[in-house]
C-alpha atoms as a PDB file:
ATOM      1  CA  MET A   1      -2.907 309.578  60.132  1.00  0.00           C
ATOM      2  CA  SER A   2      -1.449 311.603  57.785  1.00  0.00           C
ATOM      3  CA  SER A   3       2.044 310.963  59.634  1.00  0.00           C
ATOM      4  CA  SER A   4       1.126 307.986  58.179  1.00  0.00           C
ATOM      5  CA  LYS A   5       0.325 308.563  55.041  1.00  0.00           C
ATOM      6  CA  ASP A   6       3.564 311.335  54.468  1.00  0.00           C
ATOM      7  CA  SER A   7       5.566 307.968  55.748  1.00  0.00           C
ATOM      8  CA  LEU A   8       4.451 305.731  53.257  1.00  0.00           C
ATOM      9  CA  GLY A   9       4.411 307.762  50.244  1.00  0.00           C
ATOM     10  CA  SER A  10       7.821 309.216  51.253  1.00  0.00           C
ATOM     11  CA  ILE A  11       8.875 305.289  51.276  1.00  0.00           C
ATOM     12  CA  LEU A  12       7.237 305.108  47.921  1.00  0.00           C
ATOM     13  CA  GLY A  13       9.118 307.961  47.138  1.00  0.00           C
ATOM     14  CA  LYS A  14      12.517 306.552  47.969  1.00  0.00           C
ATOM     15  CA  LEU A  15      11.488 303.000  46.059  1.00  0.00           C
ATOM     16  CA  ILE A  16      11.668 304.847  42.643  1.00  0.00           C
ATOM     17  CA  ILE A  17      14.717 306.522  42.929  1.00  0.00           C
ATOM     18  CA  TYR A  18      16.359 304.022  43.981  1.00  0.00           C
ATOM     19  CA  ILE A  19      15.161 301.421  40.837  1.00  0.00           C
ATOM     20  CA  ILE A  20      15.852 304.602  39.234  1.00  0.00           C
ATOM     21  CA  ILE A  21      19.317 304.629  40.161  1.00  0.00           C
ATOM     22  CA  ALA A  22      20.139 301.091  39.960  1.00  0.00           C
ATOM     23  CA  VAL A  23      18.738 301.288  35.761  1.00  0.00           C
ATOM     24  CA  VAL A  24      20.960 304.053  35.301  1.00  0.00           C
ATOM     25  CA  VAL A  25      24.424 303.228  37.295  1.00  0.00           C
ATOM     26  CA  LEU A  26      23.885 299.394  35.079  1.00  0.00           C
ATOM     27  CA  GLY A  27      24.160 300.957  32.031  1.00  0.00           C
ATOM     28  CA  VAL A  28      26.525 303.895  32.616  1.00  0.00           C
ATOM     29  CA  LEU A  29      28.620 300.498  33.786  1.00  0.00           C
ATOM     30  CA  ASN A  30      27.641 298.109  30.559  1.00  0.00           C
ATOM     31  CA  TRP A  31      28.280 301.425  28.429  1.00  0.00           C
ATOM     32  CA  PHE A  32      31.601 302.222  30.231  1.00  0.00           C
ATOM     33  CA  PHE A  33      32.588 298.069  30.145  1.00  0.00           C
ATOM     34  CA  ASN A  34      31.428 297.443  26.593  1.00  0.00           C
ATOM     35  CA  TYR A  35      31.873 300.256  25.070  1.00  0.00           C
ATOM     36  CA  PHE A  36      33.799 303.259  25.918  1.00  0.00           C
ATOM     37  CA  ILE A  37      37.516 300.949  27.256  1.00  0.00           C
ATOM     38  CA  PRO A  38      37.036 299.329  23.453  1.00  0.00           C
ATOM     39  CA  ASP A  39      36.555 302.364  22.046  1.00  0.00           C
ATOM     40  CA  LEU A  40      39.060 304.203  23.635  1.00  0.00           C
ATOM     41  CA  VAL A  41      41.961 301.038  23.071  1.00  0.00           C
ATOM     42  CA  GLU A  42      41.327 301.066  20.059  1.00  0.00           C
ATOM     43  CA  LYS A  43      41.682 304.718  19.493  1.00  0.00           C
ATOM     44  CA  ASN A  44      44.956 304.640  21.306  1.00  0.00           C
ATOM     45  CA  LYS A  45      47.092 301.491  21.452  1.00  0.00           C
ATOM     46  CA  ALA A  46      48.944 302.511  23.565  1.00  0.00           C
ATOM     47  CA  LEU A  47      45.939 302.330  26.307  1.00  0.00           C
ATOM     48  CA  GLU A  48      45.196 298.787  26.192  1.00  0.00           C
ATOM     49  CA  GLY A  49      46.029 298.272  29.742  1.00  0.00           C
ATOM     50  CA  LEU A  50      42.548 299.404  30.370  1.00  0.00           C
ATOM     51  CA  LEU A  51      41.477 296.244  28.871  1.00  0.00           C
ATOM     52  CA  VAL A  52      41.878 294.804  31.538  1.00  0.00           C
ATOM     53  CA  LEU A  53      39.157 296.970  34.434  1.00  0.00           C
ATOM     54  CA  ARG A  54      37.167 294.701  31.870  1.00  0.00           C
ATOM     55  CA  ASP A  55      38.185 291.495  34.152  1.00  0.00           C
ATOM     56  CA  TYR A  56      35.957 292.922  37.437  1.00  0.00           C
ATOM     57  CA  GLN A  57      33.359 293.769  35.265  1.00  0.00           C
ATOM     58  CA  PRO A  58      31.460 290.417  37.248  1.00  0.00           C
ATOM     59  CA  TYR A  59      32.569 292.079  40.781  1.00  0.00           C
ATOM     60  CA  VAL A  60      31.615 295.500  40.131  1.00  0.00           C
ATOM     61  CA  TYR A  61      28.005 294.682  38.700  1.00  0.00           C
ATOM     62  CA  VAL A  62      27.825 292.584  42.566  1.00  0.00           C
ATOM     63  CA  LEU A  63      28.761 294.966  44.582  1.00  0.00           C
ATOM     64  CA  VAL A  64      26.631 298.350  42.879  1.00  0.00           C
ATOM     65  CA  ALA A  65      24.025 294.726  42.960  1.00  0.00           C
ATOM     66  CA  LEU A  66      23.978 294.472  46.773  1.00  0.00           C
ATOM     67  CA  VAL A  67      23.671 297.724  47.662  1.00  0.00           C
ATOM     68  CA  ILE A  68      21.376 299.414  45.870  1.00  0.00           C
ATOM     69  CA  GLY A  69      19.304 295.567  45.775  1.00  0.00           C
ATOM     70  CA  TRP A  70      19.671 295.825  49.864  1.00  0.00           C
ATOM     71  CA  LEU A  71      18.582 299.445  49.654  1.00  0.00           C
ATOM     72  CA  ILE A  72      15.163 298.358  48.036  1.00  0.00           C
ATOM     73  CA  VAL A  73      14.755 295.709  49.550  1.00  0.00           C
ATOM     74  CA  SER A  74      14.884 298.146  53.260  1.00  0.00           C
ATOM     75  CA  SER A  75      12.454 300.009  51.072  1.00  0.00           C
ATOM     76  CA  ILE A  76       9.500 297.244  50.670  1.00  0.00           C
ATOM     77  CA  ALA A  77       9.957 296.395  54.219  1.00  0.00           C
ATOM     78  CA  SER A  78       9.130 299.838  55.352  1.00  0.00           C
ATOM     79  CA  MET A  79       6.000 300.019  52.873  1.00  0.00           C
ATOM     80  CA  PHE A  80       4.723 297.024  55.292  1.00  0.00           C
ATOM     81  CA  TYR A  81       5.436 298.495  57.956  1.00  0.00           C
ATOM     82  CA  ALA A  82       3.876 301.937  56.934  1.00  0.00           C
ATOM     83  CA  LEU A  83       1.323 299.901  55.585  1.00  0.00           C
ATOM     84  CA  LEU A  84       0.386 297.804  58.873  1.00  0.00           C
ATOM     85  CA  SER A  85       1.727 299.696  62.128  1.00  0.00           C
ATOM     86  CA  PRO A  86      -1.519 301.785  62.171  1.00  0.00           C
ATOM     87  CA  ARG A  87      -3.942 298.806  61.958  1.00  0.00           C
ATOM     88  CA  TYR A  88      -1.798 295.672  63.576  1.00  0.00           C
ATOM     89  CA  GLY A  89       0.708 298.222  65.951  1.00  0.00           C
ATOM     90  CA  PRO A  90       4.678 298.900  65.500  1.00  0.00           C
ATOM     91  CA  SER A  91       4.976 295.185  67.309  1.00  0.00           C
ATOM     92  CA  ALA A  92       3.091 293.721  64.690  1.00  0.00           C
ATOM     93  CA  ALA A  93       4.661 295.954  61.936  1.00  0.00           C
ATOM     94  CA  ALA A  94       8.778 295.425  62.577  1.00  0.00           C
ATOM     95  CA  ALA A  95       7.288 291.426  62.778  1.00  0.00           C
ATOM     96  CA  VAL A  96       6.414 291.625  59.542  1.00  0.00           C
ATOM     97  CA  ARG A  97       9.118 294.699  58.256  1.00  0.00           C
ATOM     98  CA  SER A  98      12.240 291.524  59.447  1.00  0.00           C
ATOM     99  CA  LEU A  99      10.843 288.696  58.083  1.00  0.00           C
ATOM    100  CA  VAL A 100      10.420 290.666  54.793  1.00  0.00           C
ATOM    101  CA  LYS A 101      14.156 291.872  54.890  1.00  0.00           C
ATOM    102  CA  ILE A 102      14.770 288.099  55.267  1.00  0.00           C
ATOM    103  CA  LEU A 103      13.669 287.163  52.443  1.00  0.00           C
ATOM    104  CA  GLY A 104      14.337 290.283  50.688  1.00  0.00           C
ATOM    105  CA  LEU A 105      18.128 289.566  51.456  1.00  0.00           C
ATOM    106  CA  GLY A 106      17.637 285.436  50.652  1.00  0.00           C
ATOM    107  CA  ALA A 107      16.802 286.022  47.872  1.00  0.00           C
ATOM    108  CA  LEU A 108      19.114 288.751  46.277  1.00  0.00           C
ATOM    109  CA  LEU A 109      21.897 286.640  47.291  1.00  0.00           C
ATOM    110  CA  ALA A 110      20.071 284.286  45.260  1.00  0.00           C
ATOM    111  CA  GLY A 111      19.669 286.207  42.176  1.00  0.00           C
ATOM    112  CA  ILE A 112      22.986 287.920  42.278  1.00  0.00           C
ATOM    113  CA  ALA A 113      24.715 284.071  42.123  1.00  0.00           C
ATOM    114  CA  GLY A 114      22.847 282.728  39.973  1.00  0.00           C
ATOM    115  CA  GLY A 115      23.242 286.166  37.609  1.00  0.00           C
ATOM    116  CA  VAL A 116      27.294 285.590  37.508  1.00  0.00           C
ATOM    117  CA  ALA A 117      26.884 281.764  36.185  1.00  0.00           C
ATOM    118  CA  GLY A 118      24.625 282.772  33.816  1.00  0.00           C
ATOM    119  CA  GLY A 119      22.504 280.312  32.026  1.00  0.00           C
ATOM    120  CA  ALA A 120      20.896 277.075  33.800  1.00  0.00           C
ATOM    121  CA  ALA A 121      24.342 277.044  35.545  1.00  0.00           C
ATOM    122  CA  GLY A 122      22.986 279.980  37.196  1.00  0.00           C
ATOM    123  CA  VAL A 123      19.942 278.769  37.367  1.00  0.00           C
ATOM    124  CA  ALA A 124      20.506 276.216  39.379  1.00  0.00           C
ATOM    125  CA  LEU A 125      23.277 277.662  41.357  1.00  0.00           C
ATOM    126  CA  GLY A 126      20.204 280.507  42.645  1.00  0.00           C
ATOM    127  CA  GLY A 127      18.471 277.377  43.007  1.00  0.00           C
ATOM    128  CA  PHE A 128      20.707 275.746  45.886  1.00  0.00           C
ATOM    129  CA  ILE A 129      22.277 278.946  46.529  1.00  0.00           C
ATOM    130  CA  GLY A 130      18.705 279.849  47.850  1.00  0.00           C
ATOM    131  CA  LEU A 131      18.053 276.622  49.228  1.00  0.00           C
ATOM    132  CA  VAL A 132      20.935 276.540  51.288  1.00  0.00           C
ATOM    133  CA  ILE A 133      19.860 280.157  52.822  1.00  0.00           C
ATOM    134  CA  GLY A 134      16.040 278.517  53.644  1.00  0.00           C
ATOM    135  CA  PHE A 135      17.636 275.440  54.647  1.00  0.00           C
ATOM    136  CA  ALA A 136      19.953 277.715  57.372  1.00  0.00           C
ATOM    137  CA  THR A 137      17.169 279.890  58.353  1.00  0.00           C
ATOM    138  CA  GLN A 138      14.308 277.745  58.374  1.00  0.00           C
ATOM    139  CA  GLN A 139      14.702 277.426  61.936  1.00  0.00           C
ATOM    140  CA  VAL A 140      14.450 281.701  62.641  1.00  0.00           C
ATOM    141  CA  LEU A 141      11.932 282.011  60.197  1.00  0.00           C
ATOM    142  CA  GLY A 142       9.543 279.560  61.337  1.00  0.00           C
ATOM    143  CA  GLN A 143      10.126 281.550  64.844  1.00  0.00           C
ATOM    144  CA  ALA A 144       9.672 284.809  62.980  1.00  0.00           C
ATOM    145  CA  VAL A 145       6.226 283.777  61.330  1.00  0.00           C
ATOM    146  CA  ALA A 146       5.213 282.512  64.427  1.00  0.00           C
ATOM    147  CA  GLY A 147       5.687 285.246  66.472  1.00  0.00           C
ATOM    148  CA  MET A 148       3.897 287.516  63.732  1.00  0.00           C
ATOM    149  CA  PHE A 149       1.707 285.477  63.549  1.00  0.00           C
ATOM    150  CA  LEU A 150       0.739 285.909  67.569  1.00  0.00           C
ATOM    151  CA  LEU A 151       0.698 289.727  66.759  1.00  0.00           C
ATOM    152  CA  LEU A 152      -1.319 289.702  64.451  1.00  0.00           C
ATOM    153  CA  ALA A 153      -3.428 287.371  66.132  1.00  0.00           C
ATOM    154  CA  ARG A 154      -3.552 288.824  69.229  1.00  0.00           C
ATOM    155  CA  PRO A 155      -4.390 286.228  71.226  1.00  0.00           C
ATOM    156  CA  PHE A 156      -3.132 287.552  74.234  1.00  0.00           C
ATOM    157  CA  LYS A 157      -2.153 290.781  75.460  1.00  0.00           C
ATOM    158  CA  ILE A 158       0.895 292.276  78.007  1.00  0.00           C
ATOM    159  CA  GLY A 159      -0.600 291.861  81.582  1.00  0.00           C
ATOM    160  CA  ASP A 160      -2.838 288.387  80.695  1.00  0.00           C
ATOM    161  CA  VAL A 161      -2.308 285.193  82.692  1.00  0.00           C
ATOM    162  CA  ILE A 162      -1.450 282.145  80.437  1.00  0.00           C
ATOM    163  CA  ASP A 163      -0.620 278.952  80.711  1.00  0.00           C
ATOM    164  CA  ALA A 164       0.953 277.861  77.703  1.00  0.00           C
ATOM    165  CA  ALA A 165       4.240 275.996  76.877  1.00  0.00           C
ATOM    166  CA  GLY A 166       4.281 273.684  80.307  1.00  0.00           C
ATOM    167  CA  GLU A 167       4.055 277.104  82.160  1.00  0.00           C
ATOM    168  CA  SER A 168       1.359 277.802  84.176  1.00  0.00           C
ATOM    169  CA  GLU A 169      -0.531 281.074  85.998  1.00  0.00           C
ATOM    170  CA  VAL A 170       2.637 283.653  83.862  1.00  0.00           C
ATOM    171  CA  VAL A 171       2.251 286.652  83.712  1.00  0.00           C
ATOM    172  CA  VAL A 172       2.735 287.800  79.647  1.00  0.00           C
ATOM    173  CA  THR A 173       5.481 290.422  80.052  1.00  0.00           C
ATOM    174  CA  ASP A 174       6.614 291.156  76.803  1.00  0.00           C
ATOM    175  CA  ILE A 175       5.096 289.993  72.846  1.00  0.00           C
ATOM    176  CA  GLY A 176       8.119 289.754  70.254  1.00  0.00           C
ATOM    177  CA  THR A 177       8.974 288.046  66.761  1.00  0.00           C
ATOM    178  CA  LEU A 178      10.830 285.696  68.410  1.00  0.00           C
ATOM    179  CA  PHE A 179       9.672 285.045  71.856  1.00  0.00           C
ATOM    180  CA  THR A 180       6.996 286.103  74.377  1.00  0.00           C
ATOM    181  CA  ILE A 181       9.086 286.743  78.268  1.00  0.00           C
ATOM    182  CA  ALA A 182       6.682 285.720  80.598  1.00  0.00           C
ATOM    183  CA  LYS A 183       7.152 287.091  84.237  1.00  0.00           C
ATOM    184  CA  ARG A 184       6.528 283.428  86.768  1.00  0.00           C
ATOM    185  CA  LYS A 185       5.060 282.986  90.634  1.00  0.00           C
ATOM    186  CA  ASP A 186       8.436 282.875  91.380  1.00  0.00           C
ATOM    187  CA  GLY A 187       9.710 286.560  89.761  1.00  0.00           C
ATOM    188  CA  ASN A 188      11.375 284.611  86.903  1.00  0.00           C
ATOM    189  CA  LEU A 189      11.542 285.967  83.646  1.00  0.00           C
ATOM    190  CA  VAL A 190      10.889 282.818  80.841  1.00  0.00           C
ATOM    191  CA  LEU A 191      11.244 283.571  77.501  1.00  0.00           C
ATOM    192  CA  ILE A 192       8.858 281.276  75.284  1.00  0.00           C
ATOM    193  CA  PRO A 193       9.192 280.361  71.472  1.00  0.00           C
ATOM    194  CA  SER A 194       6.667 281.563  69.234  1.00  0.00           C
ATOM    195  CA  SER A 195       6.915 278.811  67.376  1.00  0.00           C
ATOM    196  CA  ALA A 196       5.532 276.770  71.462  1.00  0.00           C
ATOM    197  CA  LEU A 197       2.582 278.751  71.442  1.00  0.00           C
ATOM    198  CA  VAL A 198       1.082 278.693  68.276  1.00  0.00           C
ATOM    199  CA  GLY A 199       1.859 274.842  68.247  1.00  0.00           C
ATOM    200  CA  GLN A 200       0.160 274.447  71.334  1.00  0.00           C
ATOM    201  CA  LYS A 201      -3.210 274.984  73.735  1.00  0.00           C
ATOM    202  CA  ILE A 202      -2.680 278.392  75.467  1.00  0.00           C
ATOM    203  CA  VAL A 203      -5.228 278.987  78.387  1.00  0.00           C
ATOM    204  CA  ILE A 204      -5.998 282.385  79.690  1.00  0.00           C
ATOM    205  CA  ARG A 205      -6.959 282.512  83.034  1.00  0.00           C
ATOM    206  CA  LYS A 206      -7.235 286.630  83.231  1.00  0.00           C
ATOM    207  CA  GLN A 207      -6.660 289.444  80.771  1.00  0.00           C
ATOM    208  CA  THR A 208      -6.026 292.638  81.973  1.00  0.00           C
ATOM    209  CA  GLN A 209      -8.594 295.451  80.997  1.00  0.00           C
ATOM    210  CA  THR A 210      -8.556 297.670  77.887  1.00  0.00           C
END
């Protein structure tokens, strides 16, 4: 229990550090592009060529936001893992962590796109990017949410003999985020989509002893 607390404390520490770094780096970049370069050129007209650097300001901001934003998203996802792992086990916690990363990355890209465009156009663009990302990943996200539900609710366990998704008397060998792997009587393995298991009746013929 103490190790999980230490892990959670370490993750929170990293998250705070990343946020501080983001604020400091963005502040320094704002000062460099909007104050330092203009003042330097004003004092020395021979350095007017440096003004071209201001044209790259949006690209630098986007790059910094992507790098630090992804570190923050990863830290938040790891925090969910550390909170859920002791209670629900590593598999369920890993499923939640992956889902948080996917949603966080989508929100990050939509936010950056909206921020670059700015104003009403930025809001519209950010919403459109978020819609596109959501549409493109809806099947994967649906599978991931269903898999997370299976891992948290635990209607069956590894080793149970079940009837589900058109399969009869198969032995569960692994429960993942997207698929549950089961073994048929003929020895072949079948990958059952998590969404199919959540949306259909499951008959548990035999449970493993815990």
